[in-house]
């Protein structure tokens, strides 16, 4: 059922944290903290097997941890990535 017209406080108000979202973030944080050694080991194995896949995995993890930068001169649009990683191998 819709809130009556004129009720500006219907639903969630701006700035009020979502309890379920916070609970889920806390649960996921605890889960990952318990897996730190396994994650380190898996990344080490991945690096030894394929350095390029390792770098891609680290990049994906970083995207979840480090916030995206916003260019304040472009009306809040995301800044395009500026780092390109390529692998040049020469066989001897």
N, C-alpha and C. Protein backbone atom coordinates (compact mmCIF):
# COMPACT_ATOMS: atom_id res chain seq x y z
N UNK A 1 0.84 -1.17 0.00
CA UNK A 1 0.00 0.00 0.00
C UNK A 1 0.89 1.24 0.00
N UNK A 2 0.58 2.18 -0.84
CA UNK A 2 1.37 3.40 -0.97
C UNK A 2 1.15 4.31 0.23
N UNK A 3 2.18 5.08 0.54
CA UNK A 3 2.08 6.05 1.63
C UNK A 3 1.18 7.20 1.20
N UNK A 4 0.46 7.80 2.13
CA UNK A 4 -0.39 8.92 1.77
C UNK A 4 0.41 10.08 1.22
N UNK A 5 -0.21 10.85 0.30
CA UNK A 5 0.48 11.99 -0.28
C UNK A 5 0.85 12.98 0.81
N UNK A 6 2.01 13.59 0.62
CA UNK A 6 2.43 14.61 1.57
C UNK A 6 3.25 14.06 2.72
N UNK A 7 3.36 12.76 2.84
CA UNK A 7 4.17 12.18 3.91
C UNK A 7 5.61 12.07 3.42
N UNK A 8 6.40 13.09 3.70
CA UNK A 8 7.77 13.10 3.18
C UNK A 8 8.69 12.09 3.88
N UNK A 9 8.22 11.49 4.97
CA UNK A 9 9.05 10.53 5.68
C UNK A 9 8.65 9.08 5.40
N UNK A 10 7.83 8.86 4.40
CA UNK A 10 7.44 7.50 4.05
C UNK A 10 8.65 6.75 3.52
N UNK A 11 8.81 5.52 3.90
CA UNK A 11 9.95 4.75 3.43
C UNK A 11 11.20 5.11 4.23
N UNK A 12 12.32 4.84 3.65
CA UNK A 12 13.59 5.11 4.32
C UNK A 12 14.03 6.54 4.05
N UNK A 13 14.43 7.21 5.10
CA UNK A 13 14.90 8.58 4.96
C UNK A 13 16.37 8.60 4.55
N UNK A 14 16.75 9.67 3.88
CA UNK A 14 18.12 9.83 3.43
C UNK A 14 19.06 9.82 4.64
N UNK A 15 20.15 9.08 4.51
CA UNK A 15 21.15 9.03 5.56
C UNK A 15 20.93 7.95 6.61
N UNK A 16 19.78 7.27 6.57
CA UNK A 16 19.50 6.20 7.52
C UNK A 16 20.10 4.91 6.96
N UNK A 17 21.05 4.29 7.69
CA UNK A 17 21.69 3.08 7.16
C UNK A 17 20.72 1.91 7.08
N UNK A 18 20.92 1.07 6.08
CA UNK A 18 20.12 -0.13 5.87
C UNK A 18 20.69 -1.23 6.76
N UNK A 19 19.92 -1.68 7.75
CA UNK A 19 20.40 -2.66 8.72
C UNK A 19 20.77 -3.99 8.07
N UNK A 20 19.96 -4.45 7.13
CA UNK A 20 20.25 -5.74 6.48
C UNK A 20 21.54 -5.65 5.69
N UNK A 21 21.74 -4.54 4.98
CA UNK A 21 22.97 -4.37 4.21
C UNK A 21 24.18 -4.37 5.14
N UNK A 22 24.09 -3.67 6.27
CA UNK A 22 25.20 -3.63 7.21
C UNK A 22 25.46 -5.00 7.81
N UNK A 23 24.40 -5.73 8.15
CA UNK A 23 24.56 -7.08 8.69
C UNK A 23 25.26 -7.99 7.68
N UNK A 24 24.87 -7.87 6.41
CA UNK A 24 25.48 -8.69 5.36
C UNK A 24 26.96 -8.33 5.18
N UNK A 25 27.28 -7.04 5.21
CA UNK A 25 28.67 -6.62 5.10
C UNK A 25 29.50 -7.15 6.27
N UNK A 26 28.93 -7.08 7.48
CA UNK A 26 29.64 -7.59 8.66
C UNK A 26 29.87 -9.09 8.55
N UNK A 27 28.86 -9.84 8.10
CA UNK A 27 28.98 -11.29 7.93
C UNK A 27 30.08 -11.62 6.91
N UNK A 28 30.06 -10.92 5.77
CA UNK A 28 31.03 -11.18 4.71
C UNK A 28 32.45 -10.82 5.17
N UNK A 29 32.58 -9.76 5.94
CA UNK A 29 33.88 -9.37 6.47
C UNK A 29 34.43 -10.46 7.39
N UNK A 30 33.60 -10.97 8.28
CA UNK A 30 34.02 -12.04 9.19
C UNK A 30 34.40 -13.30 8.41
N UNK A 31 33.63 -13.61 7.38
CA UNK A 31 33.91 -14.78 6.55
C UNK A 31 35.28 -14.66 5.90
N UNK A 32 35.57 -13.50 5.31
CA UNK A 32 36.85 -13.30 4.63
C UNK A 32 38.01 -13.25 5.61
N UNK A 33 37.79 -12.67 6.79
CA UNK A 33 38.87 -12.62 7.78
C UNK A 33 39.29 -14.03 8.19
N UNK A 34 38.37 -14.96 8.19
CA UNK A 34 38.69 -16.34 8.53
C UNK A 34 39.39 -17.09 7.41
N UNK A 35 39.38 -16.53 6.22
CA UNK A 35 39.96 -17.19 5.05
C UNK A 35 41.25 -16.53 4.58
N UNK A 36 41.82 -15.64 5.36
CA UNK A 36 42.99 -14.87 4.95
C UNK A 36 44.13 -15.76 4.48
N UNK A 37 44.47 -16.78 5.24
CA UNK A 37 45.60 -17.65 4.88
C UNK A 37 45.30 -18.43 3.59
N UNK A 38 44.06 -18.90 3.44
CA UNK A 38 43.69 -19.63 2.23
C UNK A 38 43.75 -18.72 1.00
N UNK A 39 43.31 -17.48 1.15
CA UNK A 39 43.35 -16.54 0.04
C UNK A 39 44.79 -16.24 -0.35
N UNK A 40 45.64 -16.01 0.65
CA UNK A 40 47.07 -15.76 0.37
C UNK A 40 47.69 -16.95 -0.36
N UNK A 41 47.39 -18.14 0.10
CA UNK A 41 47.94 -19.35 -0.51
C UNK A 41 47.45 -19.51 -1.95
N UNK A 42 46.17 -19.28 -2.16
CA UNK A 42 45.60 -19.41 -3.52
C UNK A 42 46.21 -18.38 -4.46
N UNK A 43 46.41 -17.15 -3.97
CA UNK A 43 47.02 -16.12 -4.82
C UNK A 43 48.48 -16.46 -5.13
N UNK A 44 49.19 -17.01 -4.14
CA UNK A 44 50.58 -17.41 -4.37
C UNK A 44 50.65 -18.50 -5.44
N UNK A 45 49.77 -19.51 -5.34
CA UNK A 45 49.73 -20.58 -6.33
C UNK A 45 49.38 -20.04 -7.71
N UNK A 46 48.44 -19.11 -7.76
CA UNK A 46 48.05 -18.51 -9.03
C UNK A 46 49.20 -17.74 -9.66
N UNK A 47 49.95 -17.02 -8.84
CA UNK A 47 51.11 -16.27 -9.33
C UNK A 47 52.15 -17.21 -9.93
N UNK A 48 52.39 -18.33 -9.25
CA UNK A 48 53.38 -19.30 -9.74
C UNK A 48 52.92 -19.96 -11.04
N UNK A 49 51.61 -20.16 -11.19
CA UNK A 49 51.07 -20.80 -12.40
C UNK A 49 50.95 -19.83 -13.57
N UNK A 50 50.43 -18.64 -13.31
CA UNK A 50 50.17 -17.68 -14.39
C UNK A 50 50.14 -16.27 -13.81
N UNK A 51 51.23 -15.54 -14.01
CA UNK A 51 51.36 -14.19 -13.45
C UNK A 51 50.27 -13.25 -13.96
N UNK A 52 49.87 -13.40 -15.21
CA UNK A 52 48.85 -12.51 -15.77
C UNK A 52 47.49 -12.74 -15.07
N UNK A 53 47.13 -13.99 -14.85
CA UNK A 53 45.88 -14.28 -14.15
C UNK A 53 45.95 -13.79 -12.70
N UNK A 54 47.13 -13.88 -12.11
CA UNK A 54 47.33 -13.36 -10.75
C UNK A 54 47.04 -11.86 -10.71
N UNK A 55 47.62 -11.12 -11.67
CA UNK A 55 47.40 -9.67 -11.70
C UNK A 55 45.93 -9.34 -11.93
N UNK A 56 45.27 -10.12 -12.76
CA UNK A 56 43.83 -9.90 -13.00
C UNK A 56 43.03 -10.15 -11.72
N UNK A 57 43.39 -11.18 -10.97
CA UNK A 57 42.70 -11.48 -9.72
C UNK A 57 42.92 -10.38 -8.69
N UNK A 58 44.15 -9.90 -8.58
CA UNK A 58 44.45 -8.81 -7.65
C UNK A 58 43.67 -7.56 -8.04
N UNK A 59 43.57 -7.30 -9.34
CA UNK A 59 42.80 -6.16 -9.82
C UNK A 59 41.33 -6.29 -9.42
N UNK A 60 40.75 -7.47 -9.59
CA UNK A 60 39.34 -7.69 -9.23
C UNK A 60 39.12 -7.50 -7.73
N UNK A 61 40.05 -8.02 -6.93
CA UNK A 61 39.94 -7.85 -5.47
C UNK A 61 40.05 -6.37 -5.11
N UNK A 62 40.97 -5.67 -5.74
CA UNK A 62 41.17 -4.25 -5.46
C UNK A 62 39.92 -3.43 -5.77
N UNK A 63 39.20 -3.80 -6.82
CA UNK A 63 37.98 -3.07 -7.19
C UNK A 63 36.93 -3.17 -6.09
N UNK A 64 36.97 -4.24 -5.32
CA UNK A 64 36.00 -4.40 -4.24
C UNK A 64 36.41 -3.67 -2.97
N UNK A 65 37.70 -3.39 -2.85
CA UNK A 65 38.22 -2.80 -1.62
C UNK A 65 38.47 -1.31 -1.76
N UNK A 66 39.06 -0.90 -2.86
CA UNK A 66 39.41 0.49 -3.08
C UNK A 66 38.26 1.17 -3.83
N UNK A 67 37.73 2.28 -3.30
CA UNK A 67 36.61 2.93 -3.98
C UNK A 67 37.03 3.53 -5.32
N UNK A 68 36.07 3.57 -6.26
CA UNK A 68 36.33 4.19 -7.55
C UNK A 68 36.48 5.69 -7.38
N UNK A 69 37.42 6.26 -8.10
CA UNK A 69 37.61 7.71 -8.06
C UNK A 69 36.59 8.37 -8.98
N UNK A 70 36.14 9.52 -8.60
CA UNK A 70 35.23 10.30 -9.42
C UNK A 70 35.93 11.58 -9.83
N UNK A 71 35.77 11.95 -11.08
CA UNK A 71 36.33 13.19 -11.59
C UNK A 71 35.32 14.29 -11.31
N UNK A 72 35.67 15.22 -10.46
CA UNK A 72 34.72 16.26 -10.08
C UNK A 72 34.45 17.25 -11.21
N UNK A 73 35.24 17.19 -12.26
CA UNK A 73 35.03 18.09 -13.39
C UNK A 73 34.13 17.48 -14.46
N UNK A 74 33.73 16.22 -14.31
CA UNK A 74 32.91 15.57 -15.34
C UNK A 74 31.54 15.17 -14.81
N UNK A 75 30.99 15.94 -13.90
CA UNK A 75 29.65 15.71 -13.34
C UNK A 75 29.50 14.33 -12.71
N UNK A 76 30.53 13.83 -12.06
CA UNK A 76 30.44 12.59 -11.30
C UNK A 76 30.55 11.31 -12.10
N UNK A 77 30.86 11.38 -13.38
CA UNK A 77 31.03 10.17 -14.16
C UNK A 77 32.33 9.48 -13.75
N UNK A 78 32.35 8.16 -13.82
CA UNK A 78 33.55 7.41 -13.44
C UNK A 78 34.71 7.74 -14.37
N UNK A 79 35.89 7.75 -13.80
CA UNK A 79 37.10 7.97 -14.58
C UNK A 79 37.49 6.65 -15.23
N UNK A 80 37.83 6.70 -16.49
CA UNK A 80 38.26 5.49 -17.20
C UNK A 80 39.59 5.01 -16.62
N UNK A 81 39.79 3.70 -16.56
CA UNK A 81 41.07 3.18 -16.06
C UNK A 81 42.23 3.68 -16.92
N UNK A 82 43.32 4.00 -16.26
CA UNK A 82 44.47 4.53 -16.98
C UNK A 82 45.66 3.60 -16.96
N UNK A 83 45.54 2.48 -16.30
CA UNK A 83 46.66 1.53 -16.21
C UNK A 83 46.37 0.35 -17.11
N UNK A 84 47.27 0.08 -18.03
CA UNK A 84 47.17 -1.09 -18.90
C UNK A 84 48.37 -1.99 -18.63
N UNK A 85 48.09 -3.23 -18.35
CA UNK A 85 49.15 -4.20 -18.07
C UNK A 85 49.24 -5.14 -19.25
N UNK A 86 50.40 -5.22 -19.84
CA UNK A 86 50.61 -6.17 -20.92
C UNK A 86 51.86 -6.97 -20.64
N UNK A 87 51.92 -8.12 -21.22
CA UNK A 87 53.03 -9.01 -20.95
C UNK A 87 53.80 -9.25 -22.24
N UNK A 88 55.05 -8.90 -22.23
CA UNK A 88 55.91 -9.15 -23.37
C UNK A 88 56.95 -10.19 -22.96
N UNK A 89 56.94 -11.30 -23.62
CA UNK A 89 57.89 -12.36 -23.30
C UNK A 89 58.79 -12.60 -24.49
N UNK A 90 60.03 -12.76 -24.22
CA UNK A 90 60.97 -13.13 -25.27
C UNK A 90 61.58 -14.47 -24.87
N UNK A 91 61.63 -15.38 -25.83
CA UNK A 91 62.20 -16.69 -25.56
C UNK A 91 63.68 -16.67 -25.91
N UNK A 92 64.47 -17.27 -25.05
CA UNK A 92 65.91 -17.33 -25.32
C UNK A 92 66.34 -18.68 -25.76
